[in-house]
Amino acid sequence: MAEVSGVDTLYLAPGSPWENGYVESFNSRLREEFLNRELFLHIDELRYVADRWRMDYNHYCPHSSLGYMAPAAYAVKFFGEGSAFLKAGRIRDLHPEN
């Protein structure tokens, strides 16, 4: 997918979270808003709830870094709905079911 979008890959040393602030911010949000608030009794329950959280995060939660748009809406606006980037699967589920 990196080739499709023209992105170069970069090796980050283990234990160096300051080198990738974007993913560290996401991981922090995932931990605070999801993992620390739930107790799962079965892996299928975890998968279902995680998928619902991901859909909410990507489709309904405005992000200040994206001009207070949800990531899926921003991706469509930025790349266009039929773009190779979106077709490559980078942004899944552009039209979520409620």
PDB file of N, CA and C in Angstrom:
ATOM      1  N   MET A   1       0.811  -1.189   0.000  1.00  0.00           N
ATOM      2  CA  MET A   1       0.000   0.000   0.000  1.00  0.00           C
ATOM      3  C   MET A   1       0.855   1.255   0.000  1.00  0.00           C
ATOM      4  N   ALA A   2       2.020   1.192   0.593  1.00  0.00           N
ATOM      5  CA  ALA A   2       2.881   2.369   0.611  1.00  0.00           C
ATOM      6  C   ALA A   2       3.254   2.781  -0.806  1.00  0.00           C
ATOM      7  N   GLU A   3       3.488   1.791  -1.676  1.00  0.00           N
ATOM      8  CA  GLU A   3       3.851   2.108  -3.052  1.00  0.00           C
ATOM      9  C   GLU A   3       2.711   2.835  -3.762  1.00  0.00           C
ATOM     10  N   VAL A   4       1.479   2.393  -3.518  1.00  0.00           N
ATOM     11  CA  VAL A   4       0.305   2.989  -4.162  1.00  0.00           C
ATOM     12  C   VAL A   4       0.170   4.455  -3.778  1.00  0.00           C
ATOM     13  N   SER A   5       0.428   4.762  -2.522  1.00  0.00           N
ATOM     14  CA  SER A   5       0.246   6.133  -2.048  1.00  0.00           C
ATOM     15  C   SER A   5       1.507   6.978  -2.158  1.00  0.00           C
ATOM     16  N   GLY A   6       2.615   6.378  -2.600  1.00  0.00           N
ATOM     17  CA  GLY A   6       3.850   7.130  -2.748  1.00  0.00           C
ATOM     18  C   GLY A   6       4.540   7.447  -1.437  1.00  0.00           C
ATOM     19  N   VAL A   7       4.346   6.612  -0.427  1.00  0.00           N
ATOM     20  CA  VAL A   7       4.930   6.830   0.894  1.00  0.00           C
ATOM     21  C   VAL A   7       6.167   5.957   1.055  1.00  0.00           C
ATOM     22  N   ASP A   8       7.239   6.534   1.552  1.00  0.00           N
ATOM     23  CA  ASP A   8       8.443   5.768   1.864  1.00  0.00           C
ATOM     24  C   ASP A   8       8.323   5.186   3.259  1.00  0.00           C
ATOM     25  N   THR A   9       8.890   4.001   3.466  1.00  0.00           N
ATOM     26  CA  THR A   9       8.890   3.399   4.796  1.00  0.00           C
ATOM     27  C   THR A   9      10.125   3.860   5.559  1.00  0.00           C
ATOM     28  N   LEU A  10      10.020   3.849   6.864  1.00  0.00           N
ATOM     29  CA  LEU A  10      11.101   4.308   7.725  1.00  0.00           C
ATOM     30  C   LEU A  10      11.204   3.373   8.914  1.00  0.00           C
ATOM     31  N   TYR A  11      12.398   2.890   9.207  1.00  0.00           N
ATOM     32  CA  TYR A  11      12.613   2.021  10.353  1.00  0.00           C
ATOM     33  C   TYR A  11      12.667   2.868  11.617  1.00  0.00           C
ATOM     34  N   LEU A  12      11.897   2.460  12.619  1.00  0.00           N
ATOM     35  CA  LEU A  12      11.917   3.123  13.923  1.00  0.00           C
ATOM     36  C   LEU A  12      12.488   2.159  14.948  1.00  0.00           C
ATOM     37  N   ALA A  13      13.413   2.622  15.724  1.00  0.00           N
ATOM     38  CA  ALA A  13      14.041   1.780  16.735  1.00  0.00           C
ATOM     39  C   ALA A  13      13.032   1.399  17.810  1.00  0.00           C
ATOM     40  N   PRO A  14      13.040   0.144  18.248  1.00  0.00           N
ATOM     41  CA  PRO A  14      12.150  -0.256  19.350  1.00  0.00           C
ATOM     42  C   PRO A  14      12.411   0.605  20.586  1.00  0.00           C
ATOM     43  N   GLY A  15      11.355   0.930  21.300  1.00  0.00           N
ATOM     44  CA  GLY A  15      11.501   1.724  22.520  1.00  0.00           C
ATOM     45  C   GLY A  15      11.735   3.198  22.261  1.00  0.00           C
ATOM     46  N   SER A  16      11.350   3.683  21.073  1.00  0.00           N
ATOM     47  CA  SER A  16      11.534   5.093  20.724  1.00  0.00           C
ATOM     48  C   SER A  16      10.204   5.719  20.302  1.00  0.00           C
ATOM     49  N   PRO A  17       9.252   5.835  21.227  1.00  0.00           N
ATOM     50  CA  PRO A  17       7.922   6.319  20.850  1.00  0.00           C
ATOM     51  C   PRO A  17       7.914   7.742  20.308  1.00  0.00           C
ATOM     52  N   TRP A  18       8.888   8.554  20.648  1.00  0.00           N
ATOM     53  CA  TRP A  18       8.929   9.930  20.181  1.00  0.00           C
ATOM     54  C   TRP A  18       9.185  10.006  18.679  1.00  0.00           C
ATOM     55  N   GLU A  19       9.640   8.902  18.076  1.00  0.00           N
ATOM     56  CA  GLU A  19       9.906   8.898  16.642  1.00  0.00           C
ATOM     57  C   GLU A  19       8.631   8.758  15.811  1.00  0.00           C
ATOM     58  N   ASN A  20       7.532   8.370  16.420  1.00  0.00           N
ATOM     59  CA  ASN A  20       6.280   8.201  15.683  1.00  0.00           C
ATOM     60  C   ASN A  20       5.114   8.661  16.553  1.00  0.00           C
ATOM     61  N   GLY A  21       4.995   9.950  16.698  1.00  0.00           N
ATOM     62  CA  GLY A  21       3.970  10.519  17.562  1.00  0.00           C
ATOM     63  C   GLY A  21       2.550  10.222  17.131  1.00  0.00           C
ATOM     64  N   TYR A  22       2.326  10.046  15.818  1.00  0.00           N
ATOM     65  CA  TYR A  22       0.961   9.788  15.338  1.00  0.00           C
ATOM     66  C   TYR A  22       0.431   8.464  15.855  1.00  0.00           C
ATOM     67  N   VAL A  23       1.214   7.414  15.699  1.00  0.00           N
ATOM     68  CA  VAL A  23       0.736   6.106  16.158  1.00  0.00           C
ATOM     69  C   VAL A  23       0.705   6.053  17.680  1.00  0.00           C
ATOM     70  N   GLU A  24       1.613   6.735  18.331  1.00  0.00           N
ATOM     71  CA  GLU A  24       1.597   6.760  19.791  1.00  0.00           C
ATOM     72  C   GLU A  24       0.347   7.479  20.298  1.00  0.00           C
ATOM     73  N   SER A  25      -0.069   8.521  19.616  1.00  0.00           N
ATOM     74  CA  SER A  25      -1.301   9.215  19.985  1.00  0.00           C
ATOM     75  C   SER A  25      -2.502   8.291  19.815  1.00  0.00           C
ATOM     76  N   PHE A  26      -2.544   7.559  18.702  1.00  0.00           N
ATOM     77  CA  PHE A  26      -3.636   6.611  18.479  1.00  0.00           C
ATOM     78  C   PHE A  26      -3.628   5.520  19.538  1.00  0.00           C
ATOM     79  N   ASN A  27      -2.456   4.960  19.821  1.00  0.00           N
ATOM     80  CA  ASN A  27      -2.361   3.898  20.828  1.00  0.00           C
ATOM     81  C   ASN A  27      -2.825   4.387  22.192  1.00  0.00           C
ATOM     82  N   SER A  28      -2.486   5.620  22.533  1.00  0.00           N
ATOM     83  CA  SER A  28      -2.922   6.197  23.801  1.00  0.00           C
ATOM     84  C   SER A  28      -4.444   6.326  23.842  1.00  0.00           C
ATOM     85  N   ARG A  29      -5.022   6.814  22.754  1.00  0.00           N
ATOM     86  CA  ARG A  29      -6.484   6.959  22.682  1.00  0.00           C
ATOM     87  C   ARG A  29      -7.160   5.600  22.755  1.00  0.00           C
ATOM     88  N   LEU A  30      -6.636   4.608  22.040  1.00  0.00           N
ATOM     89  CA  LEU A  30      -7.184   3.248  22.069  1.00  0.00           C
ATOM     90  C   LEU A  30      -7.166   2.693  23.486  1.00  0.00           C
ATOM     91  N   ARG A  31      -6.057   2.879  24.171  1.00  0.00           N
ATOM     92  CA  ARG A  31      -5.925   2.377  25.537  1.00  0.00           C
ATOM     93  C   ARG A  31      -6.887   3.097  26.486  1.00  0.00           C
ATOM     94  N   GLU A  32      -6.929   4.437  26.420  1.00  0.00           N
ATOM     95  CA  GLU A  32      -7.759   5.217  27.345  1.00  0.00           C
ATOM     96  C   GLU A  32      -9.256   5.060  27.085  1.00  0.00           C
ATOM     97  N   GLU A  33      -9.658   5.056  25.815  1.00  0.00           N
ATOM     98  CA  GLU A  33     -11.086   5.060  25.488  1.00  0.00           C
ATOM     99  C   GLU A  33     -11.675   3.668  25.309  1.00  0.00           C
ATOM    100  N   PHE A  34     -10.826   2.667  25.183  1.00  0.00           N
ATOM    101  CA  PHE A  34     -11.353   1.338  24.888  1.00  0.00           C
ATOM    102  C   PHE A  34     -10.817   0.270  25.831  1.00  0.00           C
ATOM    103  N   LEU A  35      -9.540   0.018  25.798  1.00  0.00           N
ATOM    104  CA  LEU A  35      -8.982  -1.117  26.540  1.00  0.00           C
ATOM    105  C   LEU A  35      -9.111  -0.973  28.050  1.00  0.00           C
ATOM    106  N   ASN A  36      -8.913   0.224  28.576  1.00  0.00           N
ATOM    107  CA  ASN A  36      -8.981   0.425  30.025  1.00  0.00           C
ATOM    108  C   ASN A  36     -10.412   0.481  30.558  1.00  0.00           C
ATOM    109  N   ARG A  37     -11.412   0.501  29.671  1.00  0.00           N
ATOM    110  CA  ARG A  37     -12.806   0.633  30.100  1.00  0.00           C
ATOM    111  C   ARG A  37     -13.613  -0.641  29.946  1.00  0.00           C
ATOM    112  N   GLU A  38     -13.040  -1.666  29.390  1.00  0.00           N
ATOM    113  CA  GLU A  38     -13.799  -2.875  29.080  1.00  0.00           C
ATOM    114  C   GLU A  38     -13.172  -4.101  29.730  1.00  0.00           C
ATOM    115  N   LEU A  39     -14.011  -5.065  30.030  1.00  0.00           N
ATOM    116  CA  LEU A  39     -13.570  -6.377  30.494  1.00  0.00           C
ATOM    117  C   LEU A  39     -14.207  -7.393  29.562  1.00  0.00           C
ATOM    118  N   PHE A  40     -13.394  -8.155  28.866  1.00  0.00           N
ATOM    119  CA  PHE A  40     -13.897  -9.096  27.873  1.00  0.00           C
ATOM    120  C   PHE A  40     -13.794 -10.511  28.405  1.00  0.00           C
ATOM    121  N   LEU A  41     -14.879 -11.244  28.248  1.00  0.00           N
ATOM    122  CA  LEU A  41     -14.925 -12.618  28.728  1.00  0.00           C
ATOM    123  C   LEU A  41     -14.667 -13.620  27.617  1.00  0.00           C
ATOM    124  N   HIS A  42     -14.710 -13.151  26.370  1.00  0.00           N
ATOM    125  CA  HIS A  42     -14.503 -14.047  25.239  1.00  0.00           C
ATOM    126  C   HIS A  42     -13.879 -13.262  24.088  1.00  0.00           C
ATOM    127  N   ILE A  43     -13.036 -13.910  23.307  1.00  0.00           N
ATOM    128  CA  ILE A  43     -12.344 -13.240  22.207  1.00  0.00           C
ATOM    129  C   ILE A  43     -13.322 -12.690  21.168  1.00  0.00           C
ATOM    130  N   ASP A  44     -14.439 -13.385  20.934  1.00  0.00           N
ATOM    131  CA  ASP A  44     -15.427 -12.890  19.969  1.00  0.00           C
ATOM    132  C   ASP A  44     -16.051 -11.576  20.433  1.00  0.00           C
ATOM    133  N   GLU A  45     -16.251 -11.446  21.735  1.00  0.00           N
ATOM    134  CA  GLU A  45     -16.767 -10.196  22.296  1.00  0.00           C
ATOM    135  C   GLU A  45     -15.761  -9.070  22.072  1.00  0.00           C
ATOM    136  N   LEU A  46     -14.497  -9.341  22.329  1.00  0.00           N
ATOM    137  CA  LEU A  46     -13.441  -8.354  22.100  1.00  0.00           C
ATOM    138  C   LEU A  46     -13.429  -7.914  20.644  1.00  0.00           C
ATOM    139  N   ARG A  47     -13.479  -8.862  19.723  1.00  0.00           N
ATOM    140  CA  ARG A  47     -13.448  -8.528  18.296  1.00  0.00           C
ATOM    141  C   ARG A  47     -14.638  -7.652  17.902  1.00  0.00           C
ATOM    142  N   TYR A  48     -15.817  -8.005  18.371  1.00  0.00           N
ATOM    143  CA  TYR A  48     -17.015  -7.233  18.026  1.00  0.00           C
ATOM    144  C   TYR A  48     -16.925  -5.805  18.573  1.00  0.00           C
ATOM    145  N   VAL A  49     -16.596  -5.674  19.840  1.00  0.00           N
ATOM    146  CA  VAL A  49     -16.536  -4.349  20.464  1.00  0.00           C
ATOM    147  C   VAL A  49     -15.398  -3.525  19.859  1.00  0.00           C
ATOM    148  N   ALA A  50     -14.272  -4.158  19.561  1.00  0.00           N
ATOM    149  CA  ALA A  50     -13.153  -3.447  18.935  1.00  0.00           C
ATOM    150  C   ALA A  50     -13.546  -2.933  17.555  1.00  0.00           C
ATOM    151  N   ASP A  51     -14.282  -3.738  16.794  1.00  0.00           N
ATOM    152  CA  ASP A  51     -14.726  -3.305  15.476  1.00  0.00           C
ATOM    153  C   ASP A  51     -15.680  -2.128  15.586  1.00  0.00           C
ATOM    154  N   ARG A  52     -16.576  -2.139  16.557  1.00  0.00           N
ATOM    155  CA  ARG A  52     -17.499  -1.016  16.753  1.00  0.00           C
ATOM    156  C   ARG A  52     -16.730   0.242  17.164  1.00  0.00           C
ATOM    157  N   TRP A  53     -15.718   0.089  18.028  1.00  0.00           N
ATOM    158  CA  TRP A  53     -14.918   1.241  18.450  1.00  0.00           C
ATOM    159  C   TRP A  53     -14.172   1.827  17.252  1.00  0.00           C
ATOM    160  N   ARG A  54     -13.592   0.950  16.430  1.00  0.00           N
ATOM    161  CA  ARG A  54     -12.865   1.402  15.240  1.00  0.00           C
ATOM    162  C   ARG A  54     -13.794   2.150  14.291  1.00  0.00           C
ATOM    163  N   MET A  55     -15.000   1.622  14.083  1.00  0.00           N
ATOM    164  CA  MET A  55     -15.951   2.290  13.197  1.00  0.00           C
ATOM    165  C   MET A  55     -16.305   3.675  13.744  1.00  0.00           C
ATOM    166  N   ASP A  56     -16.546   3.773  15.031  1.00  0.00           N
ATOM    167  CA  ASP A  56     -16.860   5.061  15.642  1.00  0.00           C
ATOM    168  C   ASP A  56     -15.684   6.020  15.505  1.00  0.00           C
ATOM    169  N   TYR A  57     -14.485   5.535  15.801  1.00  0.00           N
ATOM    170  CA  TYR A  57     -13.277   6.365  15.740  1.00  0.00           C
ATOM    171  C   TYR A  57     -13.040   6.891  14.325  1.00  0.00           C
ATOM    172  N   ASN A  58     -13.239   6.050  13.325  1.00  0.00           N
ATOM    173  CA  ASN A  58     -12.944   6.427  11.942  1.00  0.00           C
ATOM    174  C   ASN A  58     -14.080   7.142  11.224  1.00  0.00           C
ATOM    175  N   HIS A  59     -15.326   6.992  11.682  1.00  0.00           N
ATOM    176  CA  HIS A  59     -16.453   7.523  10.925  1.00  0.00           C
ATOM    177  C   HIS A  59     -17.255   8.600  11.636  1.00  0.00           C
ATOM    178  N   TYR A  60     -17.192   8.663  12.949  1.00  0.00           N
ATOM    179  CA  TYR A  60     -18.052   9.601  13.671  1.00  0.00           C
ATOM    180  C   TYR A  60     -17.300  10.532  14.610  1.00  0.00           C
ATOM    181  N   CYS A  61     -16.080  10.216  14.936  1.00  0.00           N
ATOM    182  CA  CYS A  61     -15.302  11.008  15.890  1.00  0.00           C
ATOM    183  C   CYS A  61     -14.493  12.074  15.148  1.00  0.00           C
ATOM    184  N   PRO A  62     -14.805  13.358  15.351  1.00  0.00           N
ATOM    185  CA  PRO A  62     -14.024  14.395  14.677  1.00  0.00           C
ATOM    186  C   PRO A  62     -12.607  14.465  15.243  1.00  0.00           C
ATOM    187  N   HIS A  63     -11.650  14.700  14.365  1.00  0.00           N
ATOM    188  CA  HIS A  63     -10.243  14.789  14.748  1.00  0.00           C
ATOM    189  C   HIS A  63      -9.762  16.208  14.473  1.00  0.00           C
ATOM    190  N   SER A  64      -9.219  16.852  15.475  1.00  0.00           N
ATOM    191  CA  SER A  64      -8.777  18.237  15.312  1.00  0.00           C
ATOM    192  C   SER A  64      -7.710  18.364  14.234  1.00  0.00           C
ATOM    193  N   SER A  65      -6.849  17.359  14.102  1.00  0.00           N
ATOM    194  CA  SER A  65      -5.784  17.420  13.098  1.00  0.00           C
ATOM    195  C   SER A  65      -6.321  17.321  11.673  1.00  0.00           C
ATOM    196  N   LEU A  66      -7.582  16.917  11.519  1.00  0.00           N
ATOM    197  CA  LEU A  66      -8.205  16.795  10.194  1.00  0.00           C
ATOM    198  C   LEU A  66      -9.271  17.867   9.987  1.00  0.00           C
ATOM    199  N   GLY A  67      -9.133  18.974  10.696  1.00  0.00           N
ATOM    200  CA  GLY A  67     -10.122  20.042  10.569  1.00  0.00           C
ATOM    201  C   GLY A  67     -11.464  19.652  11.146  1.00  0.00           C
ATOM    202  N   TYR A  68     -11.435  18.846  12.194  1.00  0.00           N
ATOM    203  CA  TYR A  68     -12.629  18.361  12.890  1.00  0.00           C
ATOM    204  C   TYR A  68     -13.544  17.530  11.985  1.00  0.00           C
ATOM    205  N   MET A  69     -12.902  16.786  11.084  1.00  0.00           N
ATOM    206  CA  MET A  69     -13.618  15.807  10.265  1.00  0.00           C
ATOM    207  C   MET A  69     -13.248  14.419  10.765  1.00  0.00           C
ATOM    208  N   ALA A  70     -14.120  13.452  10.530  1.00  0.00           N
ATOM    209  CA  ALA A  70     -13.793  12.058  10.821  1.00  0.00           C
ATOM    210  C   ALA A  70     -12.809  11.567   9.752  1.00  0.00           C
ATOM    211  N   PRO A  71     -11.903  10.647  10.095  1.00  0.00           N
ATOM    212  CA  PRO A  71     -10.901  10.182   9.135  1.00  0.00           C
ATOM    213  C   PRO A  71     -11.469   9.654   7.820  1.00  0.00           C
ATOM    214  N   ALA A  72     -12.547   8.900   7.853  1.00  0.00           N
ATOM    215  CA  ALA A  72     -13.103   8.354   6.610  1.00  0.00           C
ATOM    216  C   ALA A  72     -13.600   9.474   5.696  1.00  0.00           C
ATOM    217  N   ALA A  73     -14.280  10.459   6.256  1.00  0.00           N
ATOM    218  CA  ALA A  73     -14.766  11.585   5.454  1.00  0.00           C
ATOM    219  C   ALA A  73     -13.599  12.398   4.906  1.00  0.00           C
ATOM    220  N   TYR A  74     -12.576  12.582   5.725  1.00  0.00           N
ATOM    221  CA  TYR A  74     -11.399  13.315   5.272  1.00  0.00           C
ATOM    222  C   TYR A  74     -10.703  12.573   4.137  1.00  0.00           C
ATOM    223  N   ALA A  75     -10.596  11.250   4.245  1.00  0.00           N
ATOM    224  CA  ALA A  75      -9.941  10.456   3.205  1.00  0.00           C
ATOM    225  C   ALA A  75     -10.673  10.588   1.879  1.00  0.00           C
ATOM    226  N   VAL A  76     -11.990  10.543   1.920  1.00  0.00           N
ATOM    227  CA  VAL A  76     -12.768  10.693   0.690  1.00  0.00           C
ATOM    228  C   VAL A  76     -12.570  12.092   0.113  1.00  0.00           C
ATOM    229  N   LYS A  77     -12.586  13.104   0.969  1.00  0.00           N
ATOM    230  CA  LYS A  77     -12.398  14.478   0.504  1.00  0.00           C
ATOM    231  C   LYS A  77     -10.995  14.667  -0.074  1.00  0.00           C
ATOM    232  N   PHE A  78      -9.988  14.116   0.596  1.00  0.00           N
ATOM    233  CA  PHE A  78      -8.600  14.327   0.194  1.00  0.00           C
ATOM    234  C   PHE A  78      -8.223  13.494  -1.028  1.00  0.00           C
ATOM    235  N   PHE A  79      -8.582  12.205  -1.022  1.00  0.00           N
ATOM    236  CA  PHE A  79      -8.154  11.298  -2.087  1.00  0.00           C
ATOM    237  C   PHE A  79      -9.203  11.105  -3.175  1.00  0.00           C
ATOM    238  N   GLY A  80     -10.466  11.309  -2.855  1.00  0.00           N
ATOM    239  CA  GLY A  80     -11.547  10.985  -3.782  1.00  0.00           C
ATOM    240  C   GLY A  80     -11.982   9.551  -3.550  1.00  0.00           C
ATOM    241  N   GLU A  81     -13.275   9.309  -3.599  1.00  0.00           N
ATOM    242  CA  GLU A  81     -13.798   7.996  -3.220  1.00  0.00           C
ATOM    243  C   GLU A  81     -13.288   6.868  -4.104  1.00  0.00           C
ATOM    244  N   GLY A  82     -13.000   7.121  -5.356  1.00  0.00           N
ATOM    245  CA  GLY A  82     -12.541   6.061  -6.255  1.00  0.00           C
ATOM    246  C   GLY A  82     -11.034   5.960  -6.373  1.00  0.00           C
ATOM    247  N   SER A  83     -10.275   6.590  -5.487  1.00  0.00           N
ATOM    248  CA  SER A  83      -8.819   6.631  -5.629  1.00  0.00           C
ATOM    249  C   SER A  83      -8.165   5.277  -5.385  1.00  0.00           C
ATOM    250  N   ALA A  84      -6.983   5.096  -5.963  1.00  0.00           N
ATOM    251  CA  ALA A  84      -6.217   3.858  -5.777  1.00  0.00           C
ATOM    252  C   ALA A  84      -5.854   3.665  -4.310  1.00  0.00           C
ATOM    253  N   PHE A  85      -5.611   4.749  -3.601  1.00  0.00           N
ATOM    254  CA  PHE A  85      -5.259   4.665  -2.184  1.00  0.00           C
ATOM    255  C   PHE A  85      -6.378   4.010  -1.384  1.00  0.00           C
ATOM    256  N   LEU A  86      -7.604   4.439  -1.618  1.00  0.00           N
ATOM    257  CA  LEU A  86      -8.733   3.865  -0.890  1.00  0.00           C
ATOM    258  C   LEU A  86      -9.034   2.451  -1.366  1.00  0.00           C
ATOM    259  N   LYS A  87      -8.894   2.206  -2.656  1.00  0.00           N
ATOM    260  CA  LYS A  87      -9.132   0.865  -3.184  1.00  0.00           C
ATOM    261  C   LYS A  87      -8.112  -0.136  -2.661  1.00  0.00           C
ATOM    262  N   ALA A  88      -6.922   0.327  -2.313  1.00  0.00           N
ATOM    263  CA  ALA A  88      -5.871  -0.554  -1.792  1.00  0.00           C
ATOM    264  C   ALA A  88      -6.183  -1.028  -0.381  1.00  0.00           C
ATOM    265  N   GLY A  89      -7.227  -0.503   0.216  1.00  0.00           N
ATOM    266  CA  GLY A  89      -7.651  -0.982   1.524  1.00  0.00           C
ATOM    267  C   GLY A  89      -7.106  -0.204   2.691  1.00  0.00           C
ATOM    268  N   ARG A  90      -6.463   0.911   2.437  1.00  0.00           N
ATOM    269  CA  ARG A  90      -5.903   1.708   3.526  1.00  0.00           C
ATOM    270  C   ARG A  90      -7.008   2.227   4.436  1.00  0.00           C
ATOM    271  N   ILE A  91      -8.075   2.705   3.866  1.00  0.00           N
ATOM    272  CA  ILE A  91      -9.226   3.157   4.642  1.00  0.00           C
ATOM    273  C   ILE A  91     -10.363   2.198   4.326  1.00  0.00           C
ATOM    274  N   ARG A  92     -10.747   1.402   5.298  1.00  0.00           N
ATOM    275  CA  ARG A  92     -11.802   0.420   5.084  1.00  0.00           C
ATOM    276  C   ARG A  92     -13.144   0.976   5.516  1.00  0.00           C
ATOM    277  N   ASP A  93     -14.169   0.358   4.984  1.00  0.00           N
ATOM    278  CA  ASP A  93     -15.539   0.626   5.430  1.00  0.00           C
ATOM    279  C   ASP A  93     -15.914   2.100   5.335  1.00  0.00           C
ATOM    280  N   LEU A  94     -15.844   2.653   4.124  1.00  0.00           N
ATOM    281  CA  LEU A  94     -16.173   4.066   3.966  1.00  0.00           C
ATOM    282  C   LEU A  94     -17.643   4.356   4.233  1.00  0.00           C
ATOM    283  N   HIS A  95     -18.490   3.355   4.080  1.00  0.00           N
ATOM    284  CA  HIS A  95     -19.917   3.540   4.318  1.00  0.00           C
ATOM    285  C   HIS A  95     -20.368   2.549   5.373  1.00  0.00           C
ATOM    286  N   PRO A  96     -20.158   2.859   6.648  1.00  0.00           N
ATOM    287  CA  PRO A  96     -20.472   1.898   7.708  1.00  0.00           C
ATOM    288  C   PRO A  96     -21.970   1.692   7.877  1.00  0.00           C
ATOM    289  N   GLU A  97     -22.298   0.515   8.315  1.00  0.00           N
ATOM    290  CA  GLU A  97     -23.681   0.231   8.686  1.00  0.00           C
ATOM    291  C   GLU A  97     -23.839   0.598  10.153  1.00  0.00           C
ATOM    292  N   ASN A  98     -24.973   1.114  10.510  1.00  0.00           N
ATOM    293  CA  ASN A  98     -25.203   1.481  11.918  1.00  0.00           C
ATOM    294  C   ASN A  98     -25.654   0.305  12.715  1.00  0.00           C
TER     295      ASN A  98
END
